[in-house]
C-alpha atoms as a PDB file:
ATOM      1  CA  UNK A   1     124.767   6.410 103.305  1.00  0.00           C
ATOM      2  CA  UNK A   2     122.161   8.685 103.879  1.00  0.00           C
ATOM      3  CA  UNK A   3     122.484  10.349 100.020  1.00  0.00           C
ATOM      4  CA  UNK A   4     118.829  11.696  99.789  1.00  0.00           C
ATOM      5  CA  UNK A   5     119.025  13.216 103.236  1.00  0.00           C
ATOM      6  CA  UNK A   6     122.297  15.106 102.228  1.00  0.00           C
ATOM      7  CA  UNK A   7     120.744  15.940  99.033  1.00  0.00           C
ATOM      8  CA  UNK A   8     117.663  17.614 100.368  1.00  0.00           C
ATOM      9  CA  UNK A   9     119.453  19.217 103.135  1.00  0.00           C
ATOM     10  CA  UNK A  10     121.761  20.954 100.697  1.00  0.00           C
ATOM     11  CA  UNK A  11     118.903  21.903  98.378  1.00  0.00           C
ATOM     12  CA  UNK A  12     117.000  23.490 101.335  1.00  0.00           C
ATOM     13  CA  UNK A  13     119.886  25.447 102.517  1.00  0.00           C
ATOM     14  CA  UNK A  14     121.200  26.765  99.288  1.00  0.00           C
ATOM     15  CA  UNK A  15     118.151  26.879  96.807  1.00  0.00           C
ATOM     16  CA  UNK A  16     115.221  28.349  99.110  1.00  0.00           C
ATOM     17  CA  UNK A  17     114.902  31.934  99.521  1.00  0.00           C
ATOM     18  CA  UNK A  18     116.672  33.821 102.152  1.00  0.00           C
ATOM     19  CA  UNK A  19     115.430  36.787 103.950  1.00  0.00           C
ATOM     20  CA  UNK A  20     118.104  37.863 106.402  1.00  0.00           C
ATOM     21  CA  UNK A  21     121.905  38.255 106.703  1.00  0.00           C
ATOM     22  CA  UNK A  22     122.023  34.744 108.791  1.00  0.00           C
ATOM     23  CA  UNK A  23     119.987  33.044 106.285  1.00  0.00           C
ATOM     24  CA  UNK A  24     122.530  34.489 103.335  1.00  0.00           C
ATOM     25  CA  UNK A  25     125.426  33.087 105.611  1.00  0.00           C
ATOM     26  CA  UNK A  26     123.853  29.929 106.095  1.00  0.00           C
ATOM     27  CA  UNK A  27     123.694  29.482 102.258  1.00  0.00           C
ATOM     28  CA  UNK A  28     127.237  30.374 101.777  1.00  0.00           C
ATOM     29  CA  UNK A  29     128.657  28.478 104.760  1.00  0.00           C
ATOM     30  CA  UNK A  30     126.470  25.327 102.999  1.00  0.00           C
ATOM     31  CA  UNK A  31     128.052  25.667  99.605  1.00  0.00           C
ATOM     32  CA  UNK A  32     131.702  25.914 101.085  1.00  0.00           C
ATOM     33  CA  UNK A  33     131.293  23.055 103.504  1.00  0.00           C
ATOM     34  CA  UNK A  34     129.052  20.532 101.464  1.00  0.00           C
ATOM     35  CA  UNK A  35     128.885  21.598  97.815  1.00  0.00           C
ATOM     36  CA  UNK A  36     131.301  19.064  96.916  1.00  0.00           C
ATOM     37  CA  UNK A  37     129.574  16.309  98.659  1.00  0.00           C
ATOM     38  CA  UNK A  38     126.091  17.222  97.145  1.00  0.00           C
ATOM     39  CA  UNK A  39     127.320  16.826  93.522  1.00  0.00           C
ATOM     40  CA  UNK A  40     128.993  13.436  94.262  1.00  0.00           C
ATOM     41  CA  UNK A  41     126.076  12.290  96.052  1.00  0.00           C
ATOM     42  CA  UNK A  42     123.835  13.229  93.251  1.00  0.00           C
ATOM     43  CA  UNK A  43     126.269  11.235  90.752  1.00  0.00           C
ATOM     44  CA  UNK A  44     126.440   8.063  93.355  1.00  0.00           C
ATOM     45  CA  UNK A  45     122.757   8.127  93.621  1.00  0.00           C
ATOM     46  CA  UNK A  46     121.913   7.379  89.826  1.00  0.00           C
ATOM     47  CA  UNK A  47     124.208   4.159  90.282  1.00  0.00           C
ATOM     48  CA  UNK A  48     122.797   0.687  90.485  1.00  0.00           C
ATOM     49  CA  UNK A  49     122.298  -0.208  94.410  1.00  0.00           C
ATOM     50  CA  UNK A  50     125.646  -2.278  94.643  1.00  0.00           C
ATOM     51  CA  UNK A  51     127.716  -0.209  92.788  1.00  0.00           C
ATOM     52  CA  UNK A  52     126.316   2.747  94.588  1.00  0.00           C
ATOM     53  CA  UNK A  53     126.837   1.483  98.026  1.00  0.00           C
ATOM     54  CA  UNK A  54     130.324   0.462  97.205  1.00  0.00           C
ATOM     55  CA  UNK A  55     131.304   3.785  95.728  1.00  0.00           C
ATOM     56  CA  UNK A  56     129.541   5.676  98.770  1.00  0.00           C
ATOM     57  CA  UNK A  57     131.595   3.603 101.048  1.00  0.00           C
ATOM     58  CA  UNK A  58     134.863   4.507  99.274  1.00  0.00           C
ATOM     59  CA  UNK A  59     133.973   8.070  98.983  1.00  0.00           C
ATOM     60  CA  UNK A  60     133.187   8.270 102.852  1.00  0.00           C
ATOM     61  CA  UNK A  61     136.979   6.440 103.318  1.00  0.00           C
ATOM     62  CA  UNK A  62     138.575   8.898 101.244  1.00  0.00           C
ATOM     63  CA  UNK A  63     136.781  12.024 102.783  1.00  0.00           C
ATOM     64  CA  UNK A  64     137.459  10.430 106.460  1.00  0.00           C
ATOM     65  CA  UNK A  65     141.293  10.072 105.364  1.00  0.00           C
ATOM     66  CA  UNK A  66     141.739  13.608 104.084  1.00  0.00           C
ATOM     67  CA  UNK A  67     140.006  15.094 107.367  1.00  0.00           C
ATOM     68  CA  UNK A  68     142.213  13.114 109.226  1.00  0.00           C
ATOM     69  CA  UNK A  69     145.082  13.956 106.999  1.00  0.00           C
ATOM     70  CA  UNK A  70     144.324  17.842 107.438  1.00  0.00           C
ATOM     71  CA  UNK A  71     144.031  17.444 111.472  1.00  0.00           C
ATOM     72  CA  UNK A  72     147.513  15.868 111.522  1.00  0.00           C
ATOM     73  CA  UNK A  73     148.805  18.494 109.347  1.00  0.00           C
ATOM     74  CA  UNK A  74     147.526  21.317 111.009  1.00  0.00           C
ATOM     75  CA  UNK A  75     147.505  20.070 114.809  1.00  0.00           C
END
């Protein structure tokens, strides 16, 4: 729902220069945990407003279902 914030947060975590081991760890954790979300949000952000919101809601629902599906499997 907040596509610009997701995009900016990912770019700050990944593309800015890192000077410590913790910085590099944060970079790779951000890539692993939100990399797909970043690229999907970039594509969705280019769509017209109504289609943008509809696809964003569908993506959220799918992500939500997958997350709880994984919890159900490994619980």
